[in-house]
């Protein structure tokens, strides 16, 4: 089964790195460049997993996370905050917004693949 993964990050290099990292996996990869686009795609496509940056234009990732987790139609989408913000308070804010996991940049591609596989296995 081909799984949908949504990458929401305004940095094209990060989106490209995630796409290349997961290229060997069986994913349909969707991309959003801002928070509004992430909301629209998540609602329309109902991805199996969302990798979400915090600092994005048009709506930050924490707002996107809250909206998706408050909506019964999208609340079960696992959300991984993928951000450069690495302080304990940043992770606490991500969890308070409803994020399921918190992953900091720069990240190990191998660790990201493991985490994605772990999340999707648990969700199935």
PDB file of N, CA and C in Angstrom:
ATOM      1  N   UNK A   1       0.843  -1.190   0.000  1.00  0.00           N
ATOM      2  CA  UNK A   1       0.000   0.000   0.000  1.00  0.00           C
ATOM      3  C   UNK A   1       0.885   1.250   0.000  1.00  0.00           C
ATOM      4  N   UNK A   2       0.616   2.140  -0.900  1.00  0.00           N
ATOM      5  CA  UNK A   2       1.366   3.394  -0.998  1.00  0.00           C
ATOM      6  C   UNK A   2       0.817   4.368   0.030  1.00  0.00           C
ATOM      7  N   UNK A   3       1.693   4.872   0.907  1.00  0.00           N
ATOM      8  CA  UNK A   3       1.281   5.776   1.976  1.00  0.00           C
ATOM      9  C   UNK A   3       1.599   7.218   1.610  1.00  0.00           C
ATOM     10  N   UNK A   4       0.717   8.120   2.032  1.00  0.00           N
ATOM     11  CA  UNK A   4       0.912   9.551   1.767  1.00  0.00           C
ATOM     12  C   UNK A   4       1.645  10.186   2.936  1.00  0.00           C
ATOM     13  N   UNK A   5       2.660  10.959   2.599  1.00  0.00           N
ATOM     14  CA  UNK A   5       3.427  11.692   3.585  1.00  0.00           C
ATOM     15  C   UNK A   5       3.445  13.154   3.148  1.00  0.00           C
ATOM     16  N   UNK A   6       3.068  14.042   4.049  1.00  0.00           N
ATOM     17  CA  UNK A   6       3.071  15.476   3.758  1.00  0.00           C
ATOM     18  C   UNK A   6       4.236  16.128   4.475  1.00  0.00           C
ATOM     19  N   UNK A   7       5.071  16.818   3.707  1.00  0.00           N
ATOM     20  CA  UNK A   7       6.188  17.585   4.249  1.00  0.00           C
ATOM     21  C   UNK A   7       5.798  19.050   4.154  1.00  0.00           C
ATOM     22  N   UNK A   8       5.725  19.733   5.289  1.00  0.00           N
ATOM     23  CA  UNK A   8       5.385  21.158   5.301  1.00  0.00           C
ATOM     24  C   UNK A   8       6.574  21.937   5.849  1.00  0.00           C
ATOM     25  N   UNK A   9       7.277  22.600   4.963  1.00  0.00           N
ATOM     26  CA  UNK A   9       8.466  23.368   5.341  1.00  0.00           C
ATOM     27  C   UNK A   9       8.696  24.417   4.268  1.00  0.00           C
ATOM     28  N   UNK A  10       9.004  25.638   4.671  1.00  0.00           N
ATOM     29  CA  UNK A  10       9.233  26.692   3.695  1.00  0.00           C
ATOM     30  C   UNK A  10      10.634  26.633   3.088  1.00  0.00           C
ATOM     31  N   UNK A  11      11.499  25.786   3.609  1.00  0.00           N
ATOM     32  CA  UNK A  11      12.851  25.640   3.068  1.00  0.00           C
ATOM     33  C   UNK A  11      12.873  24.498   2.053  1.00  0.00           C
ATOM     34  N   UNK A  12      13.123  24.858   0.799  1.00  0.00           N
ATOM     35  CA  UNK A  12      13.125  23.841  -0.261  1.00  0.00           C
ATOM     36  C   UNK A  12      14.201  22.789  -0.027  1.00  0.00           C
ATOM     37  N   UNK A  13      15.333  23.169   0.568  1.00  0.00           N
ATOM     38  CA  UNK A  13      16.408  22.215   0.836  1.00  0.00           C
ATOM     39  C   UNK A  13      15.986  21.136   1.821  1.00  0.00           C
ATOM     40  N   UNK A  14      15.213  21.507   2.816  1.00  0.00           N
ATOM     41  CA  UNK A  14      14.724  20.521   3.793  1.00  0.00           C
ATOM     42  C   UNK A  14      13.725  19.584   3.121  1.00  0.00           C
ATOM     43  N   UNK A  15      12.814  20.148   2.344  1.00  0.00           N
ATOM     44  CA  UNK A  15      11.846  19.295   1.642  1.00  0.00           C
ATOM     45  C   UNK A  15      12.563  18.316   0.718  1.00  0.00           C
ATOM     46  N   UNK A  16      13.570  18.803   0.015  1.00  0.00           N
ATOM     47  CA  UNK A  16      14.337  17.957  -0.903  1.00  0.00           C
ATOM     48  C   UNK A  16      15.080  16.866  -0.118  1.00  0.00           C
ATOM     49  N   UNK A  17      15.694  17.223   1.008  1.00  0.00           N
ATOM     50  CA  UNK A  17      16.418  16.240   1.822  1.00  0.00           C
ATOM     51  C   UNK A  17      15.478  15.156   2.338  1.00  0.00           C
ATOM     52  N   UNK A  18      14.312  15.544   2.823  1.00  0.00           N
ATOM     53  CA  UNK A  18      13.343  14.557   3.313  1.00  0.00           C
ATOM     54  C   UNK A  18      12.875  13.671   2.161  1.00  0.00           C
ATOM     55  N   UNK A  19      12.573  14.279   1.022  1.00  0.00           N
ATOM     56  CA  UNK A  19      12.129  13.522  -0.153  1.00  0.00           C
ATOM     57  C   UNK A  19      13.196  12.509  -0.571  1.00  0.00           C
ATOM     58  N   UNK A  20      14.458  12.938  -0.617  1.00  0.00           N
ATOM     59  CA  UNK A  20      15.555  12.041  -1.000  1.00  0.00           C
ATOM     60  C   UNK A  20      15.760  10.955   0.057  1.00  0.00           C
ATOM     61  N   UNK A  21      15.641  11.322   1.321  1.00  0.00           N
ATOM     62  CA  UNK A  21      15.819  10.368   2.413  1.00  0.00           C
ATOM     63  C   UNK A  21      14.785   9.253   2.347  1.00  0.00           C
ATOM     64  N   UNK A  22      13.566   9.611   1.981  1.00  0.00           N
ATOM     65  CA  UNK A  22      12.477   8.636   1.968  1.00  0.00           C
ATOM     66  C   UNK A  22      12.204   8.062   0.583  1.00  0.00           C
ATOM     67  N   UNK A  23      13.083   8.344  -0.375  1.00  0.00           N
ATOM     68  CA  UNK A  23      12.865   7.921  -1.765  1.00  0.00           C
ATOM     69  C   UNK A  23      12.769   6.410  -1.907  1.00  0.00           C
ATOM     70  N   UNK A  24      13.482   5.659  -1.104  1.00  0.00           N
ATOM     71  CA  UNK A  24      13.453   4.207  -1.200  1.00  0.00           C
ATOM     72  C   UNK A  24      12.223   3.584  -0.577  1.00  0.00           C
ATOM     73  N   UNK A  25      11.489   4.376   0.176  1.00  0.00           N
ATOM     74  CA  UNK A  25      10.276   3.889   0.834  1.00  0.00           C
ATOM     75  C   UNK A  25       9.112   3.992  -0.160  1.00  0.00           C
ATOM     76  N   UNK A  26       8.005   3.376   0.173  1.00  0.00           N
ATOM     77  CA  UNK A  26       6.844   3.388  -0.722  1.00  0.00           C
ATOM     78  C   UNK A  26       5.884   4.513  -0.313  1.00  0.00           C
ATOM     79  N   UNK A  27       6.260   5.757  -0.626  1.00  0.00           N
ATOM     80  CA  UNK A  27       5.476   6.925  -0.242  1.00  0.00           C
ATOM     81  C   UNK A  27       5.048   7.738  -1.445  1.00  0.00           C
ATOM     82  N   UNK A  28       3.883   8.301  -1.326  1.00  0.00           N
ATOM     83  CA  UNK A  28       3.487   9.397  -2.192  1.00  0.00           C
ATOM     84  C   UNK A  28       3.790  10.636  -1.362  1.00  0.00           C
ATOM     85  N   UNK A  29       4.740  11.435  -1.783  1.00  0.00           N
ATOM     86  CA  UNK A  29       5.173  12.581  -0.987  1.00  0.00           C
ATOM     87  C   UNK A  29       4.520  13.845  -1.503  1.00  0.00           C
ATOM     88  N   UNK A  30       3.812  14.516  -0.593  1.00  0.00           N
ATOM     89  CA  UNK A  30       3.157  15.792  -0.871  1.00  0.00           C
ATOM     90  C   UNK A  30       3.980  16.877  -0.184  1.00  0.00           C
ATOM     91  N   UNK A  31       3.979  18.076  -0.743  1.00  0.00           N
ATOM     92  CA  UNK A  31       4.771  19.163  -0.166  1.00  0.00           C
ATOM     93  C   UNK A  31       3.947  20.427  -0.021  1.00  0.00           C
ATOM     94  N   UNK A  32       4.157  21.103   1.100  1.00  0.00           N
ATOM     95  CA  UNK A  32       3.547  22.404   1.358  1.00  0.00           C
ATOM     96  C   UNK A  32       4.656  23.376   1.723  1.00  0.00           C
ATOM     97  N   UNK A  33       4.549  24.617   1.253  1.00  0.00           N
ATOM     98  CA  UNK A  33       5.592  25.613   1.495  1.00  0.00           C
ATOM     99  C   UNK A  33       5.210  26.633   2.564  1.00  0.00           C
ATOM    100  N   UNK A  34       3.962  26.535   3.069  1.00  0.00           N
ATOM    101  CA  UNK A  34       3.539  27.434   4.135  1.00  0.00           C
ATOM    102  C   UNK A  34       2.425  26.754   4.936  1.00  0.00           C
ATOM    103  N   UNK A  35       2.041  27.369   6.038  1.00  0.00           N
ATOM    104  CA  UNK A  35       1.056  26.772   6.923  1.00  0.00           C
ATOM    105  C   UNK A  35      -0.324  26.626   6.316  1.00  0.00           C
ATOM    106  N   UNK A  36      -0.761  27.605   5.562  1.00  0.00           N
ATOM    107  CA  UNK A  36      -2.084  27.522   4.935  1.00  0.00           C
ATOM    108  C   UNK A  36      -2.141  26.376   3.926  1.00  0.00           C
ATOM    109  N   UNK A  37      -1.077  26.243   3.137  1.00  0.00           N
ATOM    110  CA  UNK A  37      -1.027  25.157   2.173  1.00  0.00           C
ATOM    111  C   UNK A  37      -0.992  23.802   2.883  1.00  0.00           C
ATOM    112  N   UNK A  38      -0.291  23.732   4.010  1.00  0.00           N
ATOM    113  CA  UNK A  38      -0.248  22.487   4.791  1.00  0.00           C
ATOM    114  C   UNK A  38      -1.642  22.099   5.271  1.00  0.00           C
ATOM    115  N   UNK A  39      -2.403  23.072   5.770  1.00  0.00           N
ATOM    116  CA  UNK A  39      -3.779  22.789   6.206  1.00  0.00           C
ATOM    117  C   UNK A  39      -4.639  22.305   5.047  1.00  0.00           C
ATOM    118  N   UNK A  40      -4.560  22.995   3.936  1.00  0.00           N
ATOM    119  CA  UNK A  40      -5.364  22.633   2.768  1.00  0.00           C
ATOM    120  C   UNK A  40      -5.040  21.215   2.303  1.00  0.00           C
ATOM    121  N   UNK A  41      -3.754  20.906   2.173  1.00  0.00           N
ATOM    122  CA  UNK A  41      -3.354  19.573   1.710  1.00  0.00           C
ATOM    123  C   UNK A  41      -3.711  18.488   2.720  1.00  0.00           C
ATOM    124  N   UNK A  42      -3.507  18.757   4.007  1.00  0.00           N
ATOM    125  CA  UNK A  42      -3.833  17.755   5.027  1.00  0.00           C
ATOM    126  C   UNK A  42      -5.322  17.433   5.009  1.00  0.00           C
ATOM    127  N   UNK A  43      -6.147  18.443   4.859  1.00  0.00           N
ATOM    128  CA  UNK A  43      -7.593  18.226   4.828  1.00  0.00           C
ATOM    129  C   UNK A  43      -8.028  17.500   3.549  1.00  0.00           C
ATOM    130  N   UNK A  44      -7.426  17.855   2.429  1.00  0.00           N
ATOM    131  CA  UNK A  44      -7.824  17.275   1.149  1.00  0.00           C
ATOM    132  C   UNK A  44      -7.270  15.863   0.942  1.00  0.00           C
ATOM    133  N   UNK A  45      -6.054  15.620   1.398  1.00  0.00           N
ATOM    134  CA  UNK A  45      -5.359  14.367   1.089  1.00  0.00           C
ATOM    135  C   UNK A  45      -5.330  13.362   2.237  1.00  0.00           C
ATOM    136  N   UNK A  46      -5.595  13.809   3.464  1.00  0.00           N
ATOM    137  CA  UNK A  46      -5.569  12.941   4.650  1.00  0.00           C
ATOM    138  C   UNK A  46      -4.321  12.043   4.655  1.00  0.00           C
ATOM    139  N   UNK A  47      -3.140  12.657   4.774  1.00  0.00           N
ATOM    140  CA  UNK A  47      -1.902  11.868   4.709  1.00  0.00           C
ATOM    141  C   UNK A  47      -1.768  10.917   5.905  1.00  0.00           C
ATOM    142  N   UNK A  48      -0.943   9.913   5.733  1.00  0.00           N
ATOM    143  CA  UNK A  48      -0.675   8.956   6.805  1.00  0.00           C
ATOM    144  C   UNK A  48       0.260   9.556   7.848  1.00  0.00           C
ATOM    145  N   UNK A  49       0.996  10.612   7.468  1.00  0.00           N
ATOM    146  CA  UNK A  49       1.953  11.252   8.364  1.00  0.00           C
ATOM    147  C   UNK A  49       2.241  12.659   7.865  1.00  0.00           C
ATOM    148  N   UNK A  50       2.426  13.583   8.797  1.00  0.00           N
ATOM    149  CA  UNK A  50       2.753  14.975   8.473  1.00  0.00           C
ATOM    150  C   UNK A  50       4.047  15.357   9.178  1.00  0.00           C
ATOM    151  N   UNK A  51       5.046  15.773   8.401  1.00  0.00           N
ATOM    152  CA  UNK A  51       6.284  16.344   8.934  1.00  0.00           C
ATOM    153  C   UNK A  51       6.124  17.848   8.821  1.00  0.00           C
ATOM    154  N   UNK A  52       6.142  18.538   9.955  1.00  0.00           N
ATOM    155  CA  UNK A  52       5.713  19.933  10.019  1.00  0.00           C
ATOM    156  C   UNK A  52       6.757  20.835  10.661  1.00  0.00           C
ATOM    157  N   UNK A  53       7.216  21.826   9.909  1.00  0.00           N
ATOM    158  CA  UNK A  53       8.126  22.837  10.443  1.00  0.00           C
ATOM    159  C   UNK A  53       7.321  23.803  11.310  1.00  0.00           C
ATOM    160  N   UNK A  54       7.977  24.464  12.254  1.00  0.00           N
ATOM    161  CA  UNK A  54       7.291  25.437  13.105  1.00  0.00           C
ATOM    162  C   UNK A  54       7.259  26.809  12.453  1.00  0.00           C
ATOM    163  N   UNK A  55       8.402  27.292  12.040  1.00  0.00           N
ATOM    164  CA  UNK A  55       8.488  28.650  11.491  1.00  0.00           C
ATOM    165  C   UNK A  55       8.245  28.632   9.990  1.00  0.00           C
ATOM    166  N   UNK A  56       6.997  28.964   9.627  1.00  0.00           N
ATOM    167  CA  UNK A  56       6.608  29.024   8.224  1.00  0.00           C
ATOM    168  C   UNK A  56       5.760  30.266   7.999  1.00  0.00           C
ATOM    169  N   UNK A  57       5.745  30.766   6.768  1.00  0.00           N
ATOM    170  CA  UNK A  57       4.874  31.906   6.463  1.00  0.00           C
ATOM    171  C   UNK A  57       3.406  31.493   6.409  1.00  0.00           C
ATOM    172  N   UNK A  58       2.544  32.476   6.504  1.00  0.00           N
ATOM    173  CA  UNK A  58       1.087  32.374   6.362  1.00  0.00           C
ATOM    174  C   UNK A  58       0.396  31.618   7.490  1.00  0.00           C
ATOM    175  N   UNK A  59       1.118  30.909   8.293  1.00  0.00           N
ATOM    176  CA  UNK A  59       0.590  30.261   9.497  1.00  0.00           C
ATOM    177  C   UNK A  59       1.708  29.377  10.028  1.00  0.00           C
ATOM    178  N   UNK A  60       2.024  29.511  11.316  1.00  0.00           N
ATOM    179  CA  UNK A  60       3.130  28.706  11.823  1.00  0.00           C
ATOM    180  C   UNK A  60       2.686  27.270  12.093  1.00  0.00           C
ATOM    181  N   UNK A  61       3.664  26.399  12.220  1.00  0.00           N
ATOM    182  CA  UNK A  61       3.389  24.983  12.371  1.00  0.00           C
ATOM    183  C   UNK A  61       2.614  24.624  13.626  1.00  0.00           C
ATOM    184  N   UNK A  62       2.826  25.361  14.706  1.00  0.00           N
ATOM    185  CA  UNK A  62       2.083  25.069  15.933  1.00  0.00           C
ATOM    186  C   UNK A  62       0.595  25.349  15.735  1.00  0.00           C
ATOM    187  N   UNK A  63       0.278  26.431  15.028  1.00  0.00           N
ATOM    188  CA  UNK A  63      -1.128  26.727  14.721  1.00  0.00           C
ATOM    189  C   UNK A  63      -1.724  25.632  13.837  1.00  0.00           C
ATOM    190  N   UNK A  64      -0.981  25.222  12.828  1.00  0.00           N
ATOM    191  CA  UNK A  64      -1.447  24.168  11.930  1.00  0.00           C
ATOM    192  C   UNK A  64      -1.715  22.894  12.722  1.00  0.00           C
ATOM    193  N   UNK A  65      -0.802  22.554  13.600  1.00  0.00           N
ATOM    194  CA  UNK A  65      -0.940  21.354  14.417  1.00  0.00           C
ATOM    195  C   UNK A  65      -2.207  21.421  15.274  1.00  0.00           C
ATOM    196  N   UNK A  66      -2.408  22.549  15.942  1.00  0.00           N
ATOM    197  CA  UNK A  66      -3.603  22.715  16.788  1.00  0.00           C
ATOM    198  C   UNK A  66      -4.896  22.544  15.984  1.00  0.00           C
ATOM    199  N   UNK A  67      -4.954  23.210  14.839  1.00  0.00           N
ATOM    200  CA  UNK A  67      -6.157  23.145  13.999  1.00  0.00           C
ATOM    201  C   UNK A  67      -6.424  21.707  13.559  1.00  0.00           C
ATOM    202  N   UNK A  68      -5.397  21.006  13.109  1.00  0.00           N
ATOM    203  CA  UNK A  68      -5.580  19.635  12.640  1.00  0.00           C
ATOM    204  C   UNK A  68      -5.970  18.693  13.772  1.00  0.00           C
ATOM    205  N   UNK A  69      -5.382  18.873  14.940  1.00  0.00           N
ATOM    206  CA  UNK A  69      -5.688  17.997  16.073  1.00  0.00           C
ATOM    207  C   UNK A  69      -7.062  18.304  16.676  1.00  0.00           C
ATOM    208  N   UNK A  70      -7.571  19.513  16.465  1.00  0.00           N
ATOM    209  CA  UNK A  70      -8.908  19.872  16.954  1.00  0.00           C
ATOM    210  C   UNK A  70     -10.024  19.454  16.000  1.00  0.00           C
ATOM    211  N   UNK A  71      -9.674  19.036  14.798  1.00  0.00           N
ATOM    212  CA  UNK A  71     -10.657  18.665  13.784  1.00  0.00           C
ATOM    213  C   UNK A  71     -10.820  17.141  13.774  1.00  0.00           C
ATOM    214  N   UNK A  72     -12.022  16.628  14.036  1.00  0.00           N
ATOM    215  CA  UNK A  72     -12.219  15.170  14.050  1.00  0.00           C
ATOM    216  C   UNK A  72     -11.798  14.479  12.747  1.00  0.00           C
ATOM    217  N   UNK A  73     -11.857  15.184  11.638  1.00  0.00           N
ATOM    218  CA  UNK A  73     -11.503  14.592  10.346  1.00  0.00           C
ATOM    219  C   UNK A  73      -9.995  14.401  10.186  1.00  0.00           C
ATOM    220  N   UNK A  74      -9.188  15.166  10.929  1.00  0.00           N
ATOM    221  CA  UNK A  74      -7.725  15.098  10.767  1.00  0.00           C
ATOM    222  C   UNK A  74      -6.981  14.806  12.065  1.00  0.00           C
ATOM    223  N   UNK A  75      -7.681  14.667  13.167  1.00  0.00           N
ATOM    224  CA  UNK A  75      -7.016  14.540  14.463  1.00  0.00           C
ATOM    225  C   UNK A  75      -6.151  13.286  14.601  1.00  0.00           C
ATOM    226  N   UNK A  76      -6.394  12.277  13.790  1.00  0.00           N
ATOM    227  CA  UNK A  76      -5.614  11.041  13.901  1.00  0.00           C
ATOM    228  C   UNK A  76      -4.380  11.001  13.009  1.00  0.00           C
ATOM    229  N   UNK A  77      -4.138  12.058  12.254  1.00  0.00           N
ATOM    230  CA  UNK A  77      -2.921  12.110  11.441  1.00  0.00           C
ATOM    231  C   UNK A  77      -1.739  12.300  12.393  1.00  0.00           C
ATOM    232  N   UNK A  78      -0.781  11.375  12.398  1.00  0.00           N
ATOM    233  CA  UNK A  78       0.402  11.585  13.234  1.00  0.00           C
ATOM    234  C   UNK A  78       1.182  12.799  12.727  1.00  0.00           C
ATOM    235  N   UNK A  79       1.548  13.679  13.655  1.00  0.00           N
ATOM    236  CA  UNK A  79       2.284  14.895  13.291  1.00  0.00           C
ATOM    237  C   UNK A  79       3.638  14.883  13.984  1.00  0.00           C
ATOM    238  N   UNK A  80       4.680  15.028  13.163  1.00  0.00           N
ATOM    239  CA  UNK A  80       6.040  15.143  13.657  1.00  0.00           C
ATOM    240  C   UNK A  80       6.486  16.578  13.426  1.00  0.00           C
ATOM    241  N   UNK A  81       6.783  17.287  14.499  1.00  0.00           N
ATOM    242  CA  UNK A  81       7.358  18.626  14.365  1.00  0.00           C
ATOM    243  C   UNK A  81       8.819  18.425  13.975  1.00  0.00           C
ATOM    244  N   UNK A  82       9.213  19.026  12.865  1.00  0.00           N
ATOM    245  CA  UNK A  82      10.571  18.925  12.343  1.00  0.00           C
ATOM    246  C   UNK A  82      11.115  20.346  12.278  1.00  0.00           C
ATOM    247  N   UNK A  83      11.915  20.719  13.280  1.00  0.00           N
ATOM    248  CA  UNK A  83      12.299  22.113  13.423  1.00  0.00           C
ATOM    249  C   UNK A  83      13.717  22.287  13.959  1.00  0.00           C
ATOM    250  N   UNK A  84      14.261  23.469  13.771  1.00  0.00           N
ATOM    251  CA  UNK A  84      15.572  23.802  14.318  1.00  0.00           C
ATOM    252  C   UNK A  84      15.462  24.245  15.780  1.00  0.00           C
ATOM    253  N   UNK A  85      14.257  24.489  16.254  1.00  0.00           N
ATOM    254  CA  UNK A  85      14.060  24.935  17.629  1.00  0.00           C
ATOM    255  C   UNK A  85      14.213  23.735  18.560  1.00  0.00           C
ATOM    256  N   UNK A  86      15.297  23.750  19.356  1.00  0.00           N
ATOM    257  CA  UNK A  86      15.647  22.549  20.105  1.00  0.00           C
ATOM    258  C   UNK A  86      15.593  22.691  21.626  1.00  0.00           C
ATOM    259  N   UNK A  87      15.091  23.787  22.120  1.00  0.00           N
ATOM    260  CA  UNK A  87      15.003  23.967  23.566  1.00  0.00           C
ATOM    261  C   UNK A  87      13.866  23.121  24.139  1.00  0.00           C
ATOM    262  N   UNK A  88      13.965  22.782  25.410  1.00  0.00           N
ATOM    263  CA  UNK A  88      12.904  22.009  26.069  1.00  0.00           C
ATOM    264  C   UNK A  88      11.558  22.719  25.959  1.00  0.00           C
ATOM    265  N   UNK A  89      11.571  24.048  26.090  1.00  0.00           N
ATOM    266  CA  UNK A  89      10.329  24.820  26.002  1.00  0.00           C
ATOM    267  C   UNK A  89       9.722  24.725  24.604  1.00  0.00           C
ATOM    268  N   UNK A  90      10.555  24.638  23.577  1.00  0.00           N
ATOM    269  CA  UNK A  90      10.060  24.493  22.208  1.00  0.00           C
ATOM    270  C   UNK A  90       9.366  23.144  22.033  1.00  0.00           C
ATOM    271  N   UNK A  91       9.997  22.094  22.557  1.00  0.00           N
ATOM    272  CA  UNK A  91       9.384  20.771  22.458  1.00  0.00           C
ATOM    273  C   UNK A  91       8.082  20.727  23.250  1.00  0.00           C
ATOM    274  N   UNK A  92       8.063  21.352  24.427  1.00  0.00           N
ATOM    275  CA  UNK A  92       6.843  21.398  25.236  1.00  0.00           C
ATOM    276  C   UNK A  92       5.723  22.126  24.481  1.00  0.00           C
ATOM    277  N   UNK A  93       6.071  23.202  23.779  1.00  0.00           N
ATOM    278  CA  UNK A  93       5.069  23.939  22.997  1.00  0.00           C
ATOM    279  C   UNK A  93       4.532  23.068  21.864  1.00  0.00           C
ATOM    280  N   UNK A  94       5.393  22.296  21.238  1.00  0.00           N
ATOM    281  CA  UNK A  94       4.961  21.391  20.180  1.00  0.00           C
ATOM    282  C   UNK A  94       4.026  20.317  20.706  1.00  0.00           C
ATOM    283  N   UNK A  95       4.358  19.770  21.836  1.00  0.00           N
ATOM    284  CA  UNK A  95       3.495  18.736  22.443  1.00  0.00           C
ATOM    285  C   UNK A  95       2.163  19.346  22.884  1.00  0.00           C
ATOM    286  N   UNK A  96       2.211  20.557  23.424  1.00  0.00           N
ATOM    287  CA  UNK A  96       0.979  21.238  23.851  1.00  0.00           C
ATOM    288  C   UNK A  96       0.061  21.517  22.656  1.00  0.00           C
ATOM    289  N   UNK A  97       0.663  21.732  21.494  1.00  0.00           N
ATOM    290  CA  UNK A  97      -0.124  21.974  20.281  1.00  0.00           C
ATOM    291  C   UNK A  97      -0.727  20.681  19.741  1.00  0.00           C
ATOM    292  N   UNK A  98      -0.264  19.543  20.251  1.00  0.00           N
ATOM    293  CA  UNK A  98      -0.821  18.262  19.830  1.00  0.00           C
ATOM    294  C   UNK A  98       0.111  17.393  19.010  1.00  0.00           C
ATOM    295  N   UNK A  99       1.361  17.842  18.817  1.00  0.00           N
ATOM    296  CA  UNK A  99       2.301  17.040  18.029  1.00  0.00           C
ATOM    297  C   UNK A  99       2.543  15.692  18.692  1.00  0.00           C
ATOM    298  N   UNK A 100       2.659  14.685  17.874  1.00  0.00           N
ATOM    299  CA  UNK A 100       2.901  13.336  18.380  1.00  0.00           C
ATOM    300  C   UNK A 100       4.384  13.098  18.652  1.00  0.00           C
ATOM    301  N   UNK A 101       5.243  13.739  17.858  1.00  0.00           N
ATOM    302  CA  UNK A 101       6.685  13.567  18.003  1.00  0.00           C
ATOM    303  C   UNK A 101       7.368  14.892  17.685  1.00  0.00           C
ATOM    304  N   UNK A 102       8.611  15.028  18.138  1.00  0.00           N
ATOM    305  CA  UNK A 102       9.392  16.246  17.944  1.00  0.00           C
ATOM    306  C   UNK A 102      10.766  15.828  17.455  1.00  0.00           C
ATOM    307  N   UNK A 103      11.179  16.313  16.303  1.00  0.00           N
ATOM    308  CA  UNK A 103      12.446  15.946  15.683  1.00  0.00           C
ATOM    309  C   UNK A 103      13.178  17.236  15.357  1.00  0.00           C
ATOM    310  N   UNK A 104      14.441  17.357  15.752  1.00  0.00           N
ATOM    311  CA  UNK A 104      15.150  18.617  15.530  1.00  0.00           C
ATOM    312  C   UNK A 104      16.098  18.549  14.332  1.00  0.00           C
ATOM    313  N   UNK A 105      16.222  19.720  13.678  1.00  0.00           N
ATOM    314  CA  UNK A 105      17.171  19.904  12.574  1.00  0.00           C
ATOM    315  C   UNK A 105      18.477  20.416  13.180  1.00  0.00           C
ATOM    316  N   UNK A 106      19.597  20.080  12.639  1.00  0.00           N
ATOM    317  CA  UNK A 106      19.758  19.103  11.569  1.00  0.00           C
ATOM    318  C   UNK A 106      19.464  17.697  12.103  1.00  0.00           C
ATOM    319  N   UNK A 107      19.012  16.840  11.225  1.00  0.00           N
ATOM    320  CA  UNK A 107      18.632  15.504  11.656  1.00  0.00           C
ATOM    321  C   UNK A 107      19.394  14.453  10.858  1.00  0.00           C
ATOM    322  N   UNK A 108      19.485  13.291  11.433  1.00  0.00           N
ATOM    323  CA  UNK A 108      20.099  12.159  10.758  1.00  0.00           C
ATOM    324  C   UNK A 108      19.057  11.546   9.822  1.00  0.00           C
ATOM    325  N   UNK A 109      19.355  11.438   8.530  1.00  0.00           N
ATOM    326  CA  UNK A 109      18.408  10.809   7.622  1.00  0.00           C
ATOM    327  C   UNK A 109      18.023   9.393   8.056  1.00  0.00           C
ATOM    328  N   UNK A 110      18.990   8.628   8.560  1.00  0.00           N
ATOM    329  CA  UNK A 110      18.698   7.269   9.022  1.00  0.00           C
ATOM    330  C   UNK A 110      17.726   7.304  10.200  1.00  0.00           C
ATOM    331  N   UNK A 111      17.942   8.222  11.139  1.00  0.00           N
ATOM    332  CA  UNK A 111      17.038   8.345  12.288  1.00  0.00           C
ATOM    333  C   UNK A 111      15.641   8.764  11.841  1.00  0.00           C
ATOM    334  N   UNK A 112      15.562   9.619  10.825  1.00  0.00           N
ATOM    335  CA  UNK A 112      14.250  10.041  10.319  1.00  0.00           C
ATOM    336  C   UNK A 112      13.504   8.861   9.692  1.00  0.00           C
ATOM    337  N   UNK A 113      14.190   8.073   8.883  1.00  0.00           N
ATOM    338  CA  UNK A 113      13.556   6.897   8.267  1.00  0.00           C
ATOM    339  C   UNK A 113      13.058   5.954   9.357  1.00  0.00           C
ATOM    340  N   UNK A 114      13.875   5.725  10.376  1.00  0.00           N
ATOM    341  CA  UNK A 114      13.463   4.836  11.477  1.00  0.00           C
ATOM    342  C   UNK A 114      12.218   5.368  12.179  1.00  0.00           C
ATOM    343  N   UNK A 115      12.211   6.679  12.445  1.00  0.00           N
ATOM    344  CA  UNK A 115      11.075   7.280  13.147  1.00  0.00           C
ATOM    345  C   UNK A 115       9.812   7.196  12.298  1.00  0.00           C
ATOM    346  N   UNK A 116       9.915   7.501  11.022  1.00  0.00           N
ATOM    347  CA  UNK A 116       8.759   7.429  10.125  1.00  0.00           C
ATOM    348  C   UNK A 116       8.225   5.992  10.080  1.00  0.00           C
ATOM    349  N   UNK A 117       9.121   5.022   9.929  1.00  0.00           N
ATOM    350  CA  UNK A 117       8.699   3.618   9.891  1.00  0.00           C
ATOM    351  C   UNK A 117       8.032   3.222  11.208  1.00  0.00           C
ATOM    352  N   UNK A 118       8.612   3.640  12.311  1.00  0.00           N
ATOM    353  CA  UNK A 118       8.061   3.332  13.640  1.00  0.00           C
ATOM    354  C   UNK A 118       6.654   3.907  13.806  1.00  0.00           C
ATOM    355  N   UNK A 119       6.476   5.149  13.406  1.00  0.00           N
ATOM    356  CA  UNK A 119       5.176   5.819  13.536  1.00  0.00           C
ATOM    357  C   UNK A 119       4.125   5.130  12.669  1.00  0.00           C
ATOM    358  N   UNK A 120       4.485   4.851  11.432  1.00  0.00           N
ATOM    359  CA  UNK A 120       3.527   4.241  10.507  1.00  0.00           C
ATOM    360  C   UNK A 120       3.190   2.802  10.894  1.00  0.00           C
ATOM    361  N   UNK A 121       4.149   2.089  11.438  1.00  0.00           N
ATOM    362  CA  UNK A 121       3.898   0.732  11.905  1.00  0.00           C
ATOM    363  C   UNK A 121       2.935   0.753  13.089  1.00  0.00           C
ATOM    364  N   UNK A 122       3.154   1.683  14.015  1.00  0.00           N
ATOM    365  CA  UNK A 122       2.268   1.804  15.185  1.00  0.00           C
ATOM    366  C   UNK A 122       0.858   2.237  14.790  1.00  0.00           C
ATOM    367  N   UNK A 123       0.746   3.036  13.734  1.00  0.00           N
ATOM    368  CA  UNK A 123      -0.551   3.551  13.315  1.00  0.00           C
ATOM    369  C   UNK A 123      -1.365   2.533  12.511  1.00  0.00           C
ATOM    370  N   UNK A 124      -0.692   1.505  12.005  1.00  0.00           N
ATOM    371  CA  UNK A 124      -1.422   0.540  11.163  1.00  0.00           C
ATOM    372  C   UNK A 124      -2.044  -0.594  11.957  1.00  0.00           C
TER     373      UNK A 124
END
